[in-house]
Amino acid sequence: MLSAELPQPIPSLLSSVSGTVLDVGPGSGTQLYTMRLAKTTTIYGAEPEIALHDQLRKNTITNGLEGKYKILACGAEKETLVPALAKAGLLQEGVGNGLFDYIVCLRVLCGVTNVQETVDGLYKLLKPGGTLIVAEHVKNPWPEKGGWIVPWALQKVYKVLGWSFWIGGCNIDRDTKRILLNAPGSSDGWQKVHLLIPEPWNSIPYLLGYLVKKT
């Protein structure tokens, strides 16, 4: 349910990233093995937990990303992310047409406070044609097609029993797909959308996939 192992097809998506990448909330870097052979120039890891930076740095070395992976002491929210990007010298000419070829969000958006504002900000940071890769806890889709009523009810019970409090602010009942689709501010802001919930019978299902910004 909360395994550190990444669900498919995320590892294969991460192995195909290239160019300049924003890795949002990498934690200690347990997923960096997936980017080991990726054709990236620079990866910026936005991790707010300073206590995890040493292990994150060690994992960059273990996976051959030393010198390529830059750790930023910030979260996904623009209040901390934008100043950190500016400090790293990425905002000298403003956001303009975006900064990143890929942005990666793995189990991050379920924990941010102002999720729509955060996703809107990430959309602006993507270059035209850039890709946002996500693996996020979301609400069980019932009563929509594919959802199951029993895991939907269990999800409600977990929420009432304090899931968010005990699991670091994780919100398991967000409609993250809708939030992502709304990020451009118009229905045609994404050129391609490939999102799925592969286990709709799960009480804590994942939304997996990617969105490509319109060129």
C-alpha atoms as a PDB file:
ATOM      1  CA  MET A   1       0.000   0.000   0.000  1.00  0.00           C
ATOM      2  CA  LEU A   2       2.766   2.408   0.940  1.00  0.00           C
ATOM      3  CA  SER A   3       5.632   0.421  -0.508  1.00  0.00           C
ATOM      4  CA  ALA A   4       8.799   2.260  -1.467  1.00  0.00           C
ATOM      5  CA  GLU A   5       8.706   0.292  -4.716  1.00  0.00           C
ATOM      6  CA  LEU A   6       7.444   2.412  -7.590  1.00  0.00           C
ATOM      7  CA  PRO A   7       4.363   1.121  -9.401  1.00  0.00           C
ATOM      8  CA  GLN A   8       4.544   0.504 -13.139  1.00  0.00           C
ATOM      9  CA  PRO A   9       4.744   2.211 -15.584  1.00  0.00           C
ATOM     10  CA  ILE A  10       6.605   4.875 -13.552  1.00  0.00           C
ATOM     11  CA  PRO A  11      10.114   3.328 -13.558  1.00  0.00           C
ATOM     12  CA  SER A  12      10.081   3.036 -17.351  1.00  0.00           C
ATOM     13  CA  LEU A  13       8.836   6.625 -17.678  1.00  0.00           C
ATOM     14  CA  LEU A  14      11.576   7.908 -15.380  1.00  0.00           C
ATOM     15  CA  SER A  15      14.264   6.043 -17.295  1.00  0.00           C
ATOM     16  CA  SER A  16      13.255   7.975 -20.421  1.00  0.00           C
ATOM     17  CA  VAL A  17      13.525  11.513 -19.005  1.00  0.00           C
ATOM     18  CA  SER A  18      16.001  13.848 -20.692  1.00  0.00           C
ATOM     19  CA  GLY A  19      17.293  17.401 -20.666  1.00  0.00           C
ATOM     20  CA  THR A  20      16.688  19.521 -17.579  1.00  0.00           C
ATOM     21  CA  VAL A  21      14.547  17.818 -14.933  1.00  0.00           C
ATOM     22  CA  LEU A  22      12.798  18.980 -11.751  1.00  0.00           C
ATOM     23  CA  ASP A  23      12.458  16.096  -9.296  1.00  0.00           C
ATOM     24  CA  VAL A  24       9.866  17.243  -6.755  1.00  0.00           C
ATOM     25  CA  GLY A  25      10.093  15.704  -3.282  1.00  0.00           C
ATOM     26  CA  PRO A  26      12.720  13.018  -3.939  1.00  0.00           C
ATOM     27  CA  GLY A  27      13.053  12.216  -0.228  1.00  0.00           C
ATOM     28  CA  SER A  28      16.201  10.178   0.359  1.00  0.00           C
ATOM     29  CA  GLY A  29      16.493   9.353  -3.338  1.00  0.00           C
ATOM     30  CA  THR A  30      15.384   5.715  -3.342  1.00  0.00           C
ATOM     31  CA  GLN A  31      13.948   6.196  -6.849  1.00  0.00           C
ATOM     32  CA  LEU A  32      17.123   7.611  -8.420  1.00  0.00           C
ATOM     33  CA  TYR A  33      18.127   4.210  -9.804  1.00  0.00           C
ATOM     34  CA  THR A  34      15.441   4.749 -12.449  1.00  0.00           C
ATOM     35  CA  MET A  35      17.270   7.810 -13.817  1.00  0.00           C
ATOM     36  CA  ARG A  36      20.707   6.248 -13.798  1.00  0.00           C
ATOM     37  CA  LEU A  37      20.821   5.762 -17.573  1.00  0.00           C
ATOM     38  CA  ALA A  38      18.521   8.629 -18.537  1.00  0.00           C
ATOM     39  CA  LYS A  39      19.867  11.226 -20.975  1.00  0.00           C
ATOM     40  CA  THR A  40      19.625  14.160 -18.570  1.00  0.00           C
ATOM     41  CA  THR A  41      21.826  17.249 -18.445  1.00  0.00           C
ATOM     42  CA  THR A  42      20.845  18.477 -14.979  1.00  0.00           C
ATOM     43  CA  ILE A  43      18.356  17.257 -12.383  1.00  0.00           C
ATOM     44  CA  TYR A  44      17.160  19.598  -9.628  1.00  0.00           C
ATOM     45  CA  GLY A  45      15.825  17.776  -6.576  1.00  0.00           C
ATOM     46  CA  ALA A  46      13.412  19.945  -4.572  1.00  0.00           C
ATOM     47  CA  GLU A  47      13.436  18.352  -1.110  1.00  0.00           C
ATOM     48  CA  PRO A  48      12.228  20.364   1.916  1.00  0.00           C
ATOM     49  CA  GLU A  49      13.400  17.857   4.562  1.00  0.00           C
ATOM     50  CA  ILE A  50      16.998  18.890   5.207  1.00  0.00           C
ATOM     51  CA  ALA A  51      17.554  15.760   7.306  1.00  0.00           C
ATOM     52  CA  LEU A  52      17.180  13.661   4.139  1.00  0.00           C
ATOM     53  CA  HIS A  53      19.759  15.592   2.105  1.00  0.00           C
ATOM     54  CA  ASP A  54      22.785  13.550   3.200  1.00  0.00           C
ATOM     55  CA  GLN A  55      21.200  10.264   2.162  1.00  0.00           C
ATOM     56  CA  LEU A  56      19.872  11.871  -1.019  1.00  0.00           C
ATOM     57  CA  ARG A  57      23.375  13.035  -1.842  1.00  0.00           C
ATOM     58  CA  LYS A  58      24.745   9.528  -1.215  1.00  0.00           C
ATOM     59  CA  ASN A  59      22.154   8.050  -3.559  1.00  0.00           C
ATOM     60  CA  THR A  60      23.107  10.487  -6.306  1.00  0.00           C
ATOM     61  CA  ILE A  61      26.673   9.168  -6.032  1.00  0.00           C
ATOM     62  CA  THR A  62      25.563   5.524  -5.903  1.00  0.00           C
ATOM     63  CA  ASN A  63      23.546   5.979  -9.083  1.00  0.00           C
ATOM     64  CA  GLY A  64      26.192   7.894 -11.020  1.00  0.00           C
ATOM     65  CA  LEU A  65      24.410  11.252 -10.825  1.00  0.00           C
ATOM     66  CA  GLU A  66      27.052  13.122  -8.847  1.00  0.00           C
ATOM     67  CA  GLY A  67      27.613  16.560 -10.357  1.00  0.00           C
ATOM     68  CA  LYS A  68      24.432  16.259 -12.385  1.00  0.00           C
ATOM     69  CA  TYR A  69      21.916  16.170  -9.519  1.00  0.00           C
ATOM     70  CA  LYS A  70      21.489  19.490  -7.669  1.00  0.00           C
ATOM     71  CA  ILE A  71      19.688  19.427  -4.315  1.00  0.00           C
ATOM     72  CA  LEU A  72      17.385  22.343  -3.517  1.00  0.00           C
ATOM     73  CA  ALA A  73      16.166  22.979   0.040  1.00  0.00           C
ATOM     74  CA  CYS A  74      12.524  23.642  -0.849  1.00  0.00           C
ATOM     75  CA  GLY A  75       9.166  22.051  -1.476  1.00  0.00           C
ATOM     76  CA  ALA A  76       6.778  22.034  -4.423  1.00  0.00           C
ATOM     77  CA  GLU A  77       4.935  25.172  -3.332  1.00  0.00           C
ATOM     78  CA  LYS A  78       5.933  28.365  -5.139  1.00  0.00           C
ATOM     79  CA  GLU A  79       6.657  30.149  -1.833  1.00  0.00           C
ATOM     80  CA  THR A  80       9.772  28.006  -1.372  1.00  0.00           C
ATOM     81  CA  LEU A  81      10.387  26.601  -4.855  1.00  0.00           C
ATOM     82  CA  VAL A  82      10.669  29.903  -6.731  1.00  0.00           C
ATOM     83  CA  PRO A  83      13.244  31.438  -4.328  1.00  0.00           C
ATOM     84  CA  ALA A  84      15.283  28.205  -4.460  1.00  0.00           C
ATOM     85  CA  LEU A  85      15.256  28.216  -8.262  1.00  0.00           C
ATOM     86  CA  ALA A  86      16.301  31.849  -8.239  1.00  0.00           C
ATOM     87  CA  LYS A  87      19.155  31.071  -5.836  1.00  0.00           C
ATOM     88  CA  ALA A  88      20.275  28.309  -8.205  1.00  0.00           C
ATOM     89  CA  GLY A  89      20.444  30.878 -11.007  1.00  0.00           C
ATOM     90  CA  LEU A  90      17.515  29.518 -13.011  1.00  0.00           C
ATOM     91  CA  LEU A  91      15.298  32.608 -12.941  1.00  0.00           C
ATOM     92  CA  GLN A  92      17.696  35.238 -14.248  1.00  0.00           C
ATOM     93  CA  GLU A  93      15.471  35.761 -17.289  1.00  0.00           C
ATOM     94  CA  GLY A  94      12.224  34.800 -15.588  1.00  0.00           C
ATOM     95  CA  VAL A  95      10.142  31.705 -16.244  1.00  0.00           C
ATOM     96  CA  GLY A  96       9.291  32.798 -19.792  1.00  0.00           C
ATOM     97  CA  ASN A  97       8.720  29.679 -21.878  1.00  0.00           C
ATOM     98  CA  GLY A  98       9.408  27.384 -18.963  1.00  0.00           C
ATOM     99  CA  LEU A  99      12.548  25.937 -17.435  1.00  0.00           C
ATOM    100  CA  PHE A 100      12.200  22.166 -17.399  1.00  0.00           C
ATOM    101  CA  ASP A 101      11.876  19.438 -20.006  1.00  0.00           C
ATOM    102  CA  TYR A 102      10.486  17.076 -17.372  1.00  0.00           C
ATOM    103  CA  ILE A 103       8.951  17.510 -13.932  1.00  0.00           C
ATOM    104  CA  VAL A 104       8.577  14.450 -11.715  1.00  0.00           C
ATOM    105  CA  CYS A 105       6.029  14.236  -8.862  1.00  0.00           C
ATOM    106  CA  LEU A 106       6.029  10.935  -7.004  1.00  0.00           C
ATOM    107  CA  ARG A 107       3.743  10.790  -3.938  1.00  0.00           C
ATOM    108  CA  VAL A 108       4.094  14.559  -3.493  1.00  0.00           C
ATOM    109  CA  LEU A 109       0.850  16.285  -4.457  1.00  0.00           C
ATOM    110  CA  CYS A 110      -1.139  14.329  -1.866  1.00  0.00           C
ATOM    111  CA  GLY A 111       0.815  16.190   0.815  1.00  0.00           C
ATOM    112  CA  VAL A 112       0.908  19.825  -0.315  1.00  0.00           C
ATOM    113  CA  THR A 113      -1.510  22.338   1.189  1.00  0.00           C
ATOM    114  CA  ASN A 114      -2.596  24.425  -1.802  1.00  0.00           C
ATOM    115  CA  VAL A 115      -2.504  21.669  -4.392  1.00  0.00           C
ATOM    116  CA  GLN A 116      -4.179  23.497  -7.307  1.00  0.00           C
ATOM    117  CA  GLU A 117      -1.916  26.521  -6.878  1.00  0.00           C
ATOM    118  CA  THR A 118       1.102  24.220  -6.647  1.00  0.00           C
ATOM    119  CA  VAL A 119       0.203  22.306  -9.819  1.00  0.00           C
ATOM    120  CA  ASP A 120      -0.518  25.562 -11.660  1.00  0.00           C
ATOM    121  CA  GLY A 121       2.978  26.730 -10.734  1.00  0.00           C
ATOM    122  CA  LEU A 122       4.588  23.505 -11.925  1.00  0.00           C
ATOM    123  CA  TYR A 123       2.750  23.788 -15.241  1.00  0.00           C
ATOM    124  CA  LYS A 124       4.277  27.227 -15.792  1.00  0.00           C
ATOM    125  CA  LEU A 125       7.748  25.826 -15.102  1.00  0.00           C
ATOM    126  CA  LEU A 126       7.396  23.233 -17.869  1.00  0.00           C
ATOM    127  CA  LYS A 127       8.758  24.110 -21.282  1.00  0.00           C
ATOM    128  CA  PRO A 128       6.305  23.824 -24.205  1.00  0.00           C
ATOM    129  CA  GLY A 129       6.305  20.134 -25.066  1.00  0.00           C
ATOM    130  CA  GLY A 130       7.612  19.332 -21.583  1.00  0.00           C
ATOM    131  CA  THR A 131       6.291  16.349 -19.643  1.00  0.00           C
ATOM    132  CA  LEU A 132       4.897  16.081 -16.115  1.00  0.00           C
ATOM    133  CA  ILE A 133       5.204  12.545 -14.689  1.00  0.00           C
ATOM    134  CA  VAL A 134       3.001  11.681 -11.706  1.00  0.00           C
ATOM    135  CA  ALA A 135       2.394   8.844  -9.264  1.00  0.00           C
ATOM    136  CA  GLU A 136      -0.049  10.113  -6.659  1.00  0.00           C
ATOM    137  CA  HIS A 137      -2.465   8.783  -4.067  1.00  0.00           C
ATOM    138  CA  VAL A 138      -5.995   9.747  -5.124  1.00  0.00           C
ATOM    139  CA  LYS A 139      -9.601   9.135  -4.181  1.00  0.00           C
ATOM    140  CA  ASN A 140     -11.149   5.830  -5.144  1.00  0.00           C
ATOM    141  CA  PRO A 141     -13.115   6.540  -8.352  1.00  0.00           C
ATOM    142  CA  TRP A 142     -16.409   4.962  -7.198  1.00  0.00           C
ATOM    143  CA  PRO A 143     -19.231   5.621  -8.196  1.00  0.00           C
ATOM    144  CA  GLU A 144     -17.579   6.361 -11.536  1.00  0.00           C
ATOM    145  CA  LYS A 145     -16.797   3.486 -13.876  1.00  0.00           C
ATOM    146  CA  GLY A 146     -14.120   1.182 -12.506  1.00  0.00           C
ATOM    147  CA  GLY A 147     -14.448   2.210  -8.872  1.00  0.00           C
ATOM    148  CA  TRP A 148     -15.452  -0.153  -6.073  1.00  0.00           C
ATOM    149  CA  ILE A 149     -17.777   0.823  -3.223  1.00  0.00           C
ATOM    150  CA  VAL A 150     -16.043  -1.198  -0.454  1.00  0.00           C
ATOM    151  CA  PRO A 151     -12.545   0.338  -0.924  1.00  0.00           C
ATOM    152  CA  TRP A 152     -14.233   3.723  -1.429  1.00  0.00           C
ATOM    153  CA  ALA A 153     -15.891   3.300   1.997  1.00  0.00           C
ATOM    154  CA  LEU A 154     -12.638   2.094   3.573  1.00  0.00           C
ATOM    155  CA  GLN A 155     -10.884   5.188   2.256  1.00  0.00           C
ATOM    156  CA  LYS A 156     -13.472   7.330   4.044  1.00  0.00           C
ATOM    157  CA  VAL A 157     -12.850   5.384   7.269  1.00  0.00           C
ATOM    158  CA  TYR A 158      -9.069   5.879   6.997  1.00  0.00           C
ATOM    159  CA  LYS A 159      -9.622   9.586   6.536  1.00  0.00           C
ATOM    160  CA  VAL A 160     -11.848   9.853   9.619  1.00  0.00           C
ATOM    161  CA  LEU A 161      -9.330   7.869  11.689  1.00  0.00           C
ATOM    162  CA  GLY A 162      -6.666  10.464  10.970  1.00  0.00           C
ATOM    163  CA  TRP A 163      -4.730   9.133   7.982  1.00  0.00           C
ATOM    164  CA  SER A 164      -3.410  12.593   7.094  1.00  0.00           C
ATOM    165  CA  PHE A 165      -2.217  13.175  10.648  1.00  0.00           C
ATOM    166  CA  TRP A 166      -0.401   9.862  10.990  1.00  0.00           C
ATOM    167  CA  ILE A 167       1.029   9.710   7.443  1.00  0.00           C
ATOM    168  CA  GLY A 168       2.737  13.082   7.160  1.00  0.00           C
ATOM    169  CA  GLY A 169      -0.159  15.128   5.799  1.00  0.00           C
ATOM    170  CA  CYS A 170      -0.987  12.700   2.975  1.00  0.00           C
ATOM    171  CA  ASN A 171      -4.480  13.304   1.572  1.00  0.00           C
ATOM    172  CA  ILE A 172      -5.732  10.067   0.032  1.00  0.00           C
ATOM    173  CA  ASP A 173      -9.040  11.409  -1.277  1.00  0.00           C
ATOM    174  CA  ARG A 174      -8.038  14.173  -3.674  1.00  0.00           C
ATOM    175  CA  ASP A 175      -9.328  14.380  -7.242  1.00  0.00           C
ATOM    176  CA  THR A 176      -5.805  14.898  -8.534  1.00  0.00           C
ATOM    177  CA  LYS A 177      -6.681  14.122 -12.152  1.00  0.00           C
ATOM    178  CA  ARG A 178      -9.115  17.043 -12.237  1.00  0.00           C
ATOM    179  CA  ILE A 179      -6.543  19.287 -10.556  1.00  0.00           C
ATOM    180  CA  LEU A 180      -3.895  18.365 -13.131  1.00  0.00           C
ATOM    181  CA  LEU A 181      -6.250  18.898 -16.061  1.00  0.00           C
ATOM    182  CA  ASN A 182      -7.217  22.323 -14.690  1.00  0.00           C
ATOM    183  CA  ALA A 183      -3.608  23.523 -14.365  1.00  0.00           C
ATOM    184  CA  PRO A 184      -3.326  25.215 -17.782  1.00  0.00           C
ATOM    185  CA  GLY A 185      -6.474  27.266 -17.144  1.00  0.00           C
ATOM    186  CA  SER A 186      -8.045  25.979 -20.368  1.00  0.00           C
ATOM    187  CA  SER A 187      -9.073  22.632 -21.785  1.00  0.00           C
ATOM    188  CA  ASP A 188      -6.412  22.635 -24.491  1.00  0.00           C
ATOM    189  CA  GLY A 189      -3.369  23.454 -22.355  1.00  0.00           C
ATOM    190  CA  TRP A 190      -2.190  19.857 -22.395  1.00  0.00           C
ATOM    191  CA  GLN A 191      -1.132  18.390 -25.721  1.00  0.00           C
ATOM    192  CA  LYS A 192      -1.303  14.815 -24.492  1.00  0.00           C
ATOM    193  CA  VAL A 193      -2.710  13.227 -21.337  1.00  0.00           C
ATOM    194  CA  HIS A 194      -2.116   9.625 -20.318  1.00  0.00           C
ATOM    195  CA  LEU A 195      -3.391   9.019 -16.772  1.00  0.00           C
ATOM    196  CA  LEU A 196      -4.820   5.867 -15.269  1.00  0.00           C
ATOM    197  CA  ILE A 197      -5.790   4.289 -11.961  1.00  0.00           C
ATOM    198  CA  PRO A 198      -4.559   0.715 -12.465  1.00  0.00           C
ATOM    199  CA  GLU A 199      -6.048  -0.632  -9.213  1.00  0.00           C
ATOM    200  CA  PRO A 200      -9.510   0.924  -8.754  1.00  0.00           C
ATOM    201  CA  TRP A 201     -10.347  -1.852  -6.266  1.00  0.00           C
ATOM    202  CA  ASN A 202      -7.658  -0.544  -3.897  1.00  0.00           C
ATOM    203  CA  SER A 203      -8.688   1.600  -0.931  1.00  0.00           C
ATOM    204  CA  ILE A 204      -5.584   3.744  -1.510  1.00  0.00           C
ATOM    205  CA  PRO A 205      -5.192   3.752  -5.285  1.00  0.00           C
ATOM    206  CA  TYR A 206      -2.560   5.524  -7.359  1.00  0.00           C
ATOM    207  CA  LEU A 207      -3.041   7.874 -10.277  1.00  0.00           C
ATOM    208  CA  LEU A 208      -0.194   7.100 -12.666  1.00  0.00           C
ATOM    209  CA  GLY A 209       1.005   8.525 -15.937  1.00  0.00           C
ATOM    210  CA  TYR A 210       2.081  11.719 -17.659  1.00  0.00           C
ATOM    211  CA  LEU A 211       0.871  14.946 -19.246  1.00  0.00           C
ATOM    212  CA  VAL A 212       2.604  16.797 -22.074  1.00  0.00           C
ATOM    213  CA  LYS A 213       2.369  20.594 -22.214  1.00  0.00           C
ATOM    214  CA  LYS A 214       1.052  22.071 -25.439  1.00  0.00           C
ATOM    215  CA  THR A 215       3.742  23.407 -27.762  1.00  0.00           C
END
